[in-house]
Amino acid sequence: QRAVWVKGRIVEVGQPAHGASKRPGIPVTVAFRDP
């Protein structure tokens, strides 16, 4: 309840490297404005 909701902007979506991580996922860079 103390969290601050701010709008974010997706800057970059990368492709995961083959076998780079044990957990699957897509690297995403998100930019936020300082509240």
PDB file of all heavy atoms in Angstrom:
ATOM      1  N   GLN A   1       0.816  -1.210   0.000  1.00  0.00           N
ATOM      2  CA  GLN A   1       0.000   0.000   0.000  1.00  0.00           C
ATOM      3  C   GLN A   1       0.852   1.262   0.000  1.00  0.00           C
ATOM      4  O   GLN A   1       0.361   2.335  -0.313  1.00  0.00           O
ATOM      5  CB  GLN A   1      -0.940  -0.002   1.198  1.00  0.00           C
ATOM      6  CG  GLN A   1      -2.007  -1.073   1.098  1.00  0.00           C
ATOM      7  CD  GLN A   1      -2.771  -1.240   2.386  1.00  0.00           C
ATOM      8  OE1 GLN A   1      -2.205  -1.109   3.457  1.00  0.00           O
ATOM      9  NE2 GLN A   1      -4.048  -1.542   2.284  1.00  0.00           N
ATOM     10  N   ARG A   2       2.127   1.139   0.369  1.00  0.00           N
ATOM     11  CA  ARG A   2       3.012   2.297   0.340  1.00  0.00           C
ATOM     12  C   ARG A   2       3.694   2.457  -1.016  1.00  0.00           C
ATOM     13  O   ARG A   2       4.397   3.416  -1.253  1.00  0.00           O
ATOM     14  CB  ARG A   2       4.082   2.153   1.426  1.00  0.00           C
ATOM     15  CG  ARG A   2       3.554   2.361   2.809  1.00  0.00           C
ATOM     16  CD  ARG A   2       4.671   2.511   3.814  1.00  0.00           C
ATOM     17  NE  ARG A   2       5.711   1.518   3.693  1.00  0.00           N
ATOM     18  CZ  ARG A   2       5.800   0.411   4.420  1.00  0.00           C
ATOM     19  NH1 ARG A   2       4.897   0.156   5.322  1.00  0.00           N
ATOM     20  NH2 ARG A   2       6.791  -0.432   4.257  1.00  0.00           N
ATOM     21  N   ALA A   3       3.500   1.507  -1.918  1.00  0.00           N
ATOM     22  CA  ALA A   3       4.152   1.556  -3.223  1.00  0.00           C
ATOM     23  C   ALA A   3       3.618   2.733  -4.039  1.00  0.00           C
ATOM     24  O   ALA A   3       2.472   3.134  -3.906  1.00  0.00           O
ATOM     25  CB  ALA A   3       3.919   0.255  -3.983  1.00  0.00           C
ATOM     26  N   VAL A   4       4.468   3.266  -4.875  1.00  0.00           N
ATOM     27  CA  VAL A   4       4.094   4.379  -5.747  1.00  0.00           C
ATOM     28  C   VAL A   4       3.973   3.841  -7.162  1.00  0.00           C
ATOM     29  O   VAL A   4       4.898   3.221  -7.677  1.00  0.00           O
ATOM     30  CB  VAL A   4       5.164   5.497  -5.704  1.00  0.00           C
ATOM     31  CG1 VAL A   4       4.828   6.604  -6.681  1.00  0.00           C
ATOM     32  CG2 VAL A   4       5.298   6.032  -4.304  1.00  0.00           C
ATOM     33  N   TRP A   5       2.823   4.052  -7.772  1.00  0.00           N
ATOM     34  CA  TRP A   5       2.624   3.592  -9.138  1.00  0.00           C
ATOM     35  C   TRP A   5       3.063   4.687 -10.094  1.00  0.00           C
ATOM     36  O   TRP A   5       2.611   5.822 -10.020  1.00  0.00           O
ATOM     37  CB  TRP A   5       1.152   3.269  -9.378  1.00  0.00           C
ATOM     38  CG  TRP A   5       0.727   2.052  -8.641  1.00  0.00           C
ATOM     39  CD1 TRP A   5       0.275   1.975  -7.366  1.00  0.00           C
ATOM     40  CD2 TRP A   5       0.751   0.717  -9.124  1.00  0.00           C
ATOM     41  NE1 TRP A   5       0.003   0.686  -7.024  1.00  0.00           N
ATOM     42  CE2 TRP A   5       0.284  -0.115  -8.091  1.00  0.00           C
ATOM     43  CE3 TRP A   5       1.117   0.134 -10.322  1.00  0.00           C
ATOM     44  CZ2 TRP A   5       0.188  -1.497  -8.241  1.00  0.00           C
ATOM     45  CZ3 TRP A   5       1.005  -1.233 -10.465  1.00  0.00           C
ATOM     46  CH2 TRP A   5       0.553  -2.021  -9.442  1.00  0.00           C
ATOM     47  N   VAL A   6       3.979   4.341 -10.988  1.00  0.00           N
ATOM     48  CA  VAL A   6       4.433   5.278 -12.009  1.00  0.00           C
ATOM     49  C   VAL A   6       4.341   4.597 -13.366  1.00  0.00           C
ATOM     50  O   VAL A   6       4.408   3.378 -13.472  1.00  0.00           O
ATOM     51  CB  VAL A   6       5.886   5.751 -11.762  1.00  0.00           C
ATOM     52  CG1 VAL A   6       5.985   6.568 -10.501  1.00  0.00           C
ATOM     53  CG2 VAL A   6       6.839   4.589 -11.723  1.00  0.00           C
ATOM     54  N   LYS A   7       4.166   5.388 -14.393  1.00  0.00           N
ATOM     55  CA  LYS A   7       4.115   4.843 -15.741  1.00  0.00           C
ATOM     56  C   LYS A   7       5.529   4.570 -16.209  1.00  0.00           C
ATOM     57  O   LYS A   7       6.444   5.356 -15.962  1.00  0.00           O
ATOM     58  CB  LYS A   7       3.424   5.806 -16.684  1.00  0.00           C
ATOM     59  CG  LYS A   7       1.951   5.940 -16.418  1.00  0.00           C
ATOM     60  CD  LYS A   7       1.290   6.830 -17.440  1.00  0.00           C
ATOM     61  CE  LYS A   7      -0.193   6.927 -17.149  1.00  0.00           C
ATOM     62  NZ  LYS A   7      -0.886   7.762 -18.125  1.00  0.00           N
ATOM     63  N   GLY A   8       5.692   3.462 -16.894  1.00  0.00           N
ATOM     64  CA  GLY A   8       6.988   3.091 -17.441  1.00  0.00           C
ATOM     65  C   GLY A   8       6.926   3.029 -18.956  1.00  0.00           C
ATOM     66  O   GLY A   8       5.860   2.945 -19.553  1.00  0.00           O
ATOM     67  N   ARG A   9       8.081   3.083 -19.564  1.00  0.00           N
ATOM     68  CA  ARG A   9       8.168   3.035 -21.024  1.00  0.00           C
ATOM     69  C   ARG A   9       9.155   1.932 -21.385  1.00  0.00           C
ATOM     70  O   ARG A   9      10.277   1.887 -20.876  1.00  0.00           O
ATOM     71  CB  ARG A   9       8.666   4.381 -21.557  1.00  0.00           C
ATOM     72  CG  ARG A   9       8.763   4.479 -23.047  1.00  0.00           C
ATOM     73  CD  ARG A   9       9.120   5.891 -23.481  1.00  0.00           C
ATOM     74  NE  ARG A   9      10.343   6.384 -22.863  1.00  0.00           N
ATOM     75  CZ  ARG A   9      11.565   6.240 -23.403  1.00  0.00           C
ATOM     76  NH1 ARG A   9      11.718   5.636 -24.541  1.00  0.00           N
ATOM     77  NH2 ARG A   9      12.609   6.731 -22.778  1.00  0.00           N
ATOM     78  N   ILE A  10       8.729   1.014 -22.259  1.00  0.00           N
ATOM     79  CA  ILE A  10       9.618  -0.056 -22.704  1.00  0.00           C
ATOM     80  C   ILE A  10      10.618   0.536 -23.687  1.00  0.00           C
ATOM     81  O   ILE A  10      10.240   1.102 -24.719  1.00  0.00           O
ATOM     82  CB  ILE A  10       8.825  -1.203 -23.352  1.00  0.00           C
ATOM     83  CG1 ILE A  10       7.910  -1.841 -22.310  1.00  0.00           C
ATOM     84  CG2 ILE A  10       9.769  -2.243 -23.941  1.00  0.00           C
ATOM     85  CD1 ILE A  10       6.996  -2.907 -22.858  1.00  0.00           C
ATOM     86  N   VAL A  11      11.898   0.425 -23.345  1.00  0.00           N
ATOM     87  CA  VAL A  11      12.955   0.999 -24.171  1.00  0.00           C
ATOM     88  C   VAL A  11      13.479  -0.034 -25.158  1.00  0.00           C
ATOM     89  O   VAL A  11      13.674   0.260 -26.332  1.00  0.00           O
ATOM     90  CB  VAL A  11      14.106   1.519 -23.287  1.00  0.00           C
ATOM     91  CG1 VAL A  11      15.251   2.027 -24.124  1.00  0.00           C
ATOM     92  CG2 VAL A  11      13.601   2.590 -22.347  1.00  0.00           C
ATOM     93  N   GLU A  12      13.687  -1.249 -24.670  1.00  0.00           N
ATOM     94  CA  GLU A  12      14.301  -2.263 -25.514  1.00  0.00           C
ATOM     95  C   GLU A  12      13.835  -3.642 -25.083  1.00  0.00           C
ATOM     96  O   GLU A  12      13.708  -3.923 -23.884  1.00  0.00           O
ATOM     97  CB  GLU A  12      15.823  -2.171 -25.391  1.00  0.00           C
ATOM     98  CG  GLU A  12      16.580  -3.187 -26.188  1.00  0.00           C
ATOM     99  CD  GLU A  12      18.085  -3.091 -25.952  1.00  0.00           C
ATOM    100  OE1 GLU A  12      18.519  -2.313 -25.097  1.00  0.00           O
ATOM    101  OE2 GLU A  12      18.800  -3.834 -26.624  1.00  0.00           O
ATOM    102  N   VAL A  13      13.580  -4.500 -26.060  1.00  0.00           N
ATOM    103  CA  VAL A  13      13.261  -5.901 -25.798  1.00  0.00           C
ATOM    104  C   VAL A  13      14.326  -6.721 -26.509  1.00  0.00           C
ATOM    105  O   VAL A  13      14.485  -6.638 -27.719  1.00  0.00           O
ATOM    106  CB  VAL A  13      11.854  -6.277 -26.312  1.00  0.00           C
ATOM    107  CG1 VAL A  13      11.569  -7.750 -26.068  1.00  0.00           C
ATOM    108  CG2 VAL A  13      10.802  -5.422 -25.646  1.00  0.00           C
ATOM    109  N   GLY A  14      15.053  -7.484 -25.730  1.00  0.00           N
ATOM    110  CA  GLY A  14      16.141  -8.275 -26.299  1.00  0.00           C
ATOM    111  C   GLY A  14      15.757  -9.729 -26.481  1.00  0.00           C
ATOM    112  O   GLY A  14      14.717 -10.195 -26.010  1.00  0.00           O
ATOM    113  N   GLN A  15      16.615 -10.445 -27.180  1.00  0.00           N
ATOM    114  CA  GLN A  15      16.390 -11.862 -27.386  1.00  0.00           C
ATOM    115  C   GLN A  15      17.290 -12.615 -26.403  1.00  0.00           C
ATOM    116  O   GLN A  15      18.484 -12.332 -26.304  1.00  0.00           O
ATOM    117  CB  GLN A  15      16.744 -12.231 -28.819  1.00  0.00           C
ATOM    118  CG  GLN A  15      16.365 -13.630 -29.189  1.00  0.00           C
ATOM    119  CD  GLN A  15      16.529 -13.882 -30.666  1.00  0.00           C
ATOM    120  OE1 GLN A  15      17.154 -13.097 -31.371  1.00  0.00           O
ATOM    121  NE2 GLN A  15      15.989 -14.972 -31.143  1.00  0.00           N
ATOM    122  N   PRO A  16      16.742 -13.577 -25.673  1.00  0.00           N
ATOM    123  CA  PRO A  16      17.565 -14.290 -24.706  1.00  0.00           C
ATOM    124  C   PRO A  16      18.625 -15.140 -25.407  1.00  0.00           C
ATOM    125  O   PRO A  16      18.379 -15.707 -26.473  1.00  0.00           O
ATOM    126  CB  PRO A  16      16.563 -15.159 -23.951  1.00  0.00           C
ATOM    127  CG  PRO A  16      15.386 -15.281 -24.850  1.00  0.00           C
ATOM    128  CD  PRO A  16      15.359 -14.048 -25.680  1.00  0.00           C
ATOM    129  N   ALA A  17      19.794 -15.184 -24.791  1.00  0.00           N
ATOM    130  CA  ALA A  17      20.867 -16.007 -25.347  1.00  0.00           C
ATOM    131  C   ALA A  17      20.538 -17.473 -25.109  1.00  0.00           C
ATOM    132  O   ALA A  17      19.992 -17.844 -24.075  1.00  0.00           O
ATOM    133  CB  ALA A  17      22.190 -15.646 -24.685  1.00  0.00           C
ATOM    134  N   HIS A  18      20.887 -18.307 -26.045  1.00  0.00           N
ATOM    135  CA  HIS A  18      20.579 -19.726 -25.934  1.00  0.00           C
ATOM    136  C   HIS A  18      21.372 -20.350 -24.791  1.00  0.00           C
ATOM    137  O   HIS A  18      22.600 -20.289 -24.768  1.00  0.00           O
ATOM    138  CB  HIS A  18      20.918 -20.433 -27.251  1.00  0.00           C
ATOM    139  CG  HIS A  18      20.602 -21.895 -27.230  1.00  0.00           C
ATOM    140  ND1 HIS A  18      19.312 -22.358 -27.192  1.00  0.00           N
ATOM    141  CD2 HIS A  18      21.407 -22.972 -27.218  1.00  0.00           C
ATOM    142  CE1 HIS A  18      19.339 -23.674 -27.170  1.00  0.00           C
ATOM    143  NE2 HIS A  18      20.593 -24.071 -27.189  1.00  0.00           N
ATOM    144  N   GLY A  19      20.667 -20.896 -23.824  1.00  0.00           N
ATOM    145  CA  GLY A  19      21.322 -21.555 -22.694  1.00  0.00           C
ATOM    146  C   GLY A  19      21.961 -20.612 -21.707  1.00  0.00           C
ATOM    147  O   GLY A  19      22.797 -21.020 -20.902  1.00  0.00           O
ATOM    148  N   ALA A  20      21.604 -19.328 -21.728  1.00  0.00           N
ATOM    149  CA  ALA A  20      22.237 -18.348 -20.850  1.00  0.00           C
ATOM    150  C   ALA A  20      21.731 -18.431 -19.418  1.00  0.00           C
ATOM    151  O   ALA A  20      22.439 -18.064 -18.504  1.00  0.00           O
ATOM    152  CB  ALA A  20      22.018 -16.939 -21.391  1.00  0.00           C
ATOM    153  N   SER A  21      20.519 -18.910 -19.226  1.00  0.00           N
ATOM    154  CA  SER A  21      19.938 -18.906 -17.893  1.00  0.00           C
ATOM    155  C   SER A  21      19.162 -20.187 -17.660  1.00  0.00           C
ATOM    156  O   SER A  21      18.606 -20.778 -18.583  1.00  0.00           O
ATOM    157  CB  SER A  21      19.003 -17.705 -17.734  1.00  0.00           C
ATOM    158  OG  SER A  21      18.359 -17.763 -16.481  1.00  0.00           O
ATOM    159  N   LYS A  22      19.116 -20.621 -16.424  1.00  0.00           N
ATOM    160  CA  LYS A  22      18.314 -21.791 -16.066  1.00  0.00           C
ATOM    161  C   LYS A  22      16.832 -21.427 -16.038  1.00  0.00           C
ATOM    162  O   LYS A  22      15.978 -22.273 -16.198  1.00  0.00           O
ATOM    163  CB  LYS A  22      18.740 -22.319 -14.702  1.00  0.00           C
ATOM    164  CG  LYS A  22      20.191 -22.714 -14.660  1.00  0.00           C
ATOM    165  CD  LYS A  22      20.320 -24.195 -14.796  1.00  0.00           C
ATOM    166  CE  LYS A  22      21.757 -24.573 -14.598  1.00  0.00           C
ATOM    167  NZ  LYS A  22      22.265 -25.416 -15.634  1.00  0.00           N
ATOM    168  N   ARG A  23      16.536 -20.159 -15.757  1.00  0.00           N
ATOM    169  CA  ARG A  23      15.148 -19.694 -15.735  1.00  0.00           C
ATOM    170  C   ARG A  23      14.835 -19.002 -17.046  1.00  0.00           C
ATOM    171  O   ARG A  23      15.559 -18.096 -17.466  1.00  0.00           O
ATOM    172  CB  ARG A  23      14.925 -18.731 -14.571  1.00  0.00           C
ATOM    173  CG  ARG A  23      15.088 -19.410 -13.215  1.00  0.00           C
ATOM    174  CD  ARG A  23      14.782 -18.461 -12.118  1.00  0.00           C
ATOM    175  NE  ARG A  23      15.800 -17.421 -12.082  1.00  0.00           N
ATOM    176  CZ  ARG A  23      15.830 -16.438 -11.225  1.00  0.00           C
ATOM    177  NH1 ARG A  23      14.891 -16.336 -10.328  1.00  0.00           N
ATOM    178  NH2 ARG A  23      16.780 -15.549 -11.252  1.00  0.00           N
ATOM    179  N   PRO A  24      13.740 -19.387 -17.706  1.00  0.00           N
ATOM    180  CA  PRO A  24      13.415 -18.743 -18.979  1.00  0.00           C
ATOM    181  C   PRO A  24      12.952 -17.307 -18.770  1.00  0.00           C
ATOM    182  O   PRO A  24      12.382 -16.967 -17.741  1.00  0.00           O
ATOM    183  CB  PRO A  24      12.272 -19.602 -19.536  1.00  0.00           C
ATOM    184  CG  PRO A  24      11.665 -20.236 -18.330  1.00  0.00           C
ATOM    185  CD  PRO A  24      12.784 -20.422 -17.336  1.00  0.00           C
ATOM    186  N   GLY A  25      13.204 -16.488 -19.735  1.00  0.00           N
ATOM    187  CA  GLY A  25      12.775 -15.100 -19.639  1.00  0.00           C
ATOM    188  C   GLY A  25      13.271 -14.305 -20.829  1.00  0.00           C
ATOM    189  O   GLY A  25      14.145 -14.732 -21.573  1.00  0.00           O
ATOM    190  N   ILE A  26      12.684 -13.156 -21.024  1.00  0.00           N
ATOM    191  CA  ILE A  26      13.065 -12.256 -22.109  1.00  0.00           C
ATOM    192  C   ILE A  26      13.610 -10.985 -21.465  1.00  0.00           C
ATOM    193  O   ILE A  26      12.922 -10.365 -20.652  1.00  0.00           O
ATOM    194  CB  ILE A  26      11.856 -11.929 -23.003  1.00  0.00           C
ATOM    195  CG1 ILE A  26      11.311 -13.221 -23.629  1.00  0.00           C
ATOM    196  CG2 ILE A  26      12.228 -10.930 -24.082  1.00  0.00           C
ATOM    197  CD1 ILE A  26      10.012 -13.030 -24.370  1.00  0.00           C
ATOM    198  N   PRO A  27      14.837 -10.576 -21.816  1.00  0.00           N
ATOM    199  CA  PRO A  27      15.370  -9.342 -21.241  1.00  0.00           C
ATOM    200  C   PRO A  27      14.645  -8.111 -21.780  1.00  0.00           C
ATOM    201  O   PRO A  27      14.506  -7.934 -22.988  1.00  0.00           O
ATOM    202  CB  PRO A  27      16.842  -9.344 -21.660  1.00  0.00           C
ATOM    203  CG  PRO A  27      16.920 -10.271 -22.819  1.00  0.00           C
ATOM    204  CD  PRO A  27      15.801 -11.255 -22.688  1.00  0.00           C
ATOM    205  N   VAL A  28      14.162  -7.295 -20.858  1.00  0.00           N
ATOM    206  CA  VAL A  28      13.423  -6.085 -21.219  1.00  0.00           C
ATOM    207  C   VAL A  28      14.007  -4.920 -20.445  1.00  0.00           C
ATOM    208  O   VAL A  28      14.247  -5.020 -19.251  1.00  0.00           O
ATOM    209  CB  VAL A  28      11.914  -6.232 -20.898  1.00  0.00           C
ATOM    210  CG1 VAL A  28      11.169  -4.953 -21.202  1.00  0.00           C
ATOM    211  CG2 VAL A  28      11.316  -7.394 -21.661  1.00  0.00           C
ATOM    212  N   THR A  29      14.228  -3.795 -21.122  1.00  0.00           N
ATOM    213  CA  THR A  29      14.685  -2.574 -20.469  1.00  0.00           C
ATOM    214  C   THR A  29      13.509  -1.618 -20.388  1.00  0.00           C
ATOM    215  O   THR A  29      12.879  -1.297 -21.399  1.00  0.00           O
ATOM    216  CB  THR A  29      15.829  -1.920 -21.269  1.00  0.00           C
ATOM    217  OG1 THR A  29      16.867  -2.880 -21.445  1.00  0.00           O
ATOM    218  CG2 THR A  29      16.366  -0.706 -20.550  1.00  0.00           C
ATOM    219  N   VAL A  30      13.194  -1.168 -19.175  1.00  0.00           N
ATOM    220  CA  VAL A  30      12.061  -0.274 -18.945  1.00  0.00           C
ATOM    221  C   VAL A  30      12.584   1.014 -18.319  1.00  0.00           C
ATOM    222  O   VAL A  30      13.410   0.980 -17.406  1.00  0.00           O
ATOM    223  CB  VAL A  30      11.023  -0.931 -18.014  1.00  0.00           C
ATOM    224  CG1 VAL A  30       9.836  -0.009 -17.787  1.00  0.00           C
ATOM    225  CG2 VAL A  30      10.565  -2.264 -18.573  1.00  0.00           C
ATOM    226  N   ALA A  31      12.111   2.161 -18.802  1.00  0.00           N
ATOM    227  CA  ALA A  31      12.508   3.465 -18.268  1.00  0.00           C
ATOM    228  C   ALA A  31      11.352   4.046 -17.459  1.00  0.00           C
ATOM    229  O   ALA A  31      10.195   3.978 -17.869  1.00  0.00           O
ATOM    230  CB  ALA A  31      12.889   4.413 -19.400  1.00  0.00           C
ATOM    231  N   PHE A  32      11.688   4.592 -16.294  1.00  0.00           N
ATOM    232  CA  PHE A  32      10.700   5.223 -15.422  1.00  0.00           C
ATOM    233  C   PHE A  32      11.116   6.653 -15.134  1.00  0.00           C
ATOM    234  O   PHE A  32      12.301   6.962 -15.051  1.00  0.00           O
ATOM    235  CB  PHE A  32      10.606   4.490 -14.078  1.00  0.00           C
ATOM    236  CG  PHE A  32      10.113   3.099 -14.191  1.00  0.00           C
ATOM    237  CD1 PHE A  32      10.997   2.037 -14.247  1.00  0.00           C
ATOM    238  CD2 PHE A  32       8.761   2.834 -14.232  1.00  0.00           C
ATOM    239  CE1 PHE A  32      10.548   0.740 -14.338  1.00  0.00           C
ATOM    240  CE2 PHE A  32       8.296   1.537 -14.321  1.00  0.00           C
ATOM    241  CZ  PHE A  32       9.195   0.491 -14.373  1.00  0.00           C
ATOM    242  N   ARG A  33      10.141   7.512 -14.950  1.00  0.00           N
ATOM    243  CA  ARG A  33      10.406   8.886 -14.537  1.00  0.00           C
ATOM    244  C   ARG A  33      10.416   8.905 -13.005  1.00  0.00           C
ATOM    245  O   ARG A  33       9.610   8.244 -12.369  1.00  0.00           O
ATOM    246  CB  ARG A  33       9.335   9.821 -15.061  1.00  0.00           C
ATOM    247  CG  ARG A  33       9.623  11.280 -14.737  1.00  0.00           C
ATOM    248  CD  ARG A  33       8.596  12.191 -15.315  1.00  0.00           C
ATOM    249  NE  ARG A  33       8.717  12.175 -16.780  1.00  0.00           N
ATOM    250  CZ  ARG A  33       7.875  12.772 -17.576  1.00  0.00           C
ATOM    251  NH1 ARG A  33       6.837  13.419 -17.098  1.00  0.00           N
ATOM    252  NH2 ARG A  33       8.034  12.729 -18.868  1.00  0.00           N
ATOM    253  N   ASP A  34      11.305   9.647 -12.426  1.00  0.00           N
ATOM    254  CA  ASP A  34      11.404   9.760 -10.969  1.00  0.00           C
ATOM    255  C   ASP A  34      10.124  10.383 -10.433  1.00  0.00           C
ATOM    256  O   ASP A  34       9.775  11.507 -10.815  1.00  0.00           O
ATOM    257  CB  ASP A  34      12.615  10.607 -10.603  1.00  0.00           C
ATOM    258  CG  ASP A  34      12.801  10.753  -9.106  1.00  0.00           C
ATOM    259  OD1 ASP A  34      12.217   9.950  -8.356  1.00  0.00           O
ATOM    260  OD2 ASP A  34      13.530  11.664  -8.698  1.00  0.00           O
ATOM    261  N   PRO A  35       9.379   9.675  -9.539  1.00  0.00           N
ATOM    262  CA  PRO A  35       8.126  10.236  -9.063  1.00  0.00           C
ATOM    263  C   PRO A  35       8.309  11.512  -8.241  1.00  0.00           C
ATOM    264  O   PRO A  35       7.394  12.320  -8.129  1.00  0.00           O
ATOM    265  CB  PRO A  35       7.522   9.125  -8.205  1.00  0.00           C
ATOM    266  CG  PRO A  35       8.600   8.161  -7.964  1.00  0.00           C
ATOM    267  CD  PRO A  35       9.631   8.353  -9.012  1.00  0.00           C
TER     268      PRO A  35
END
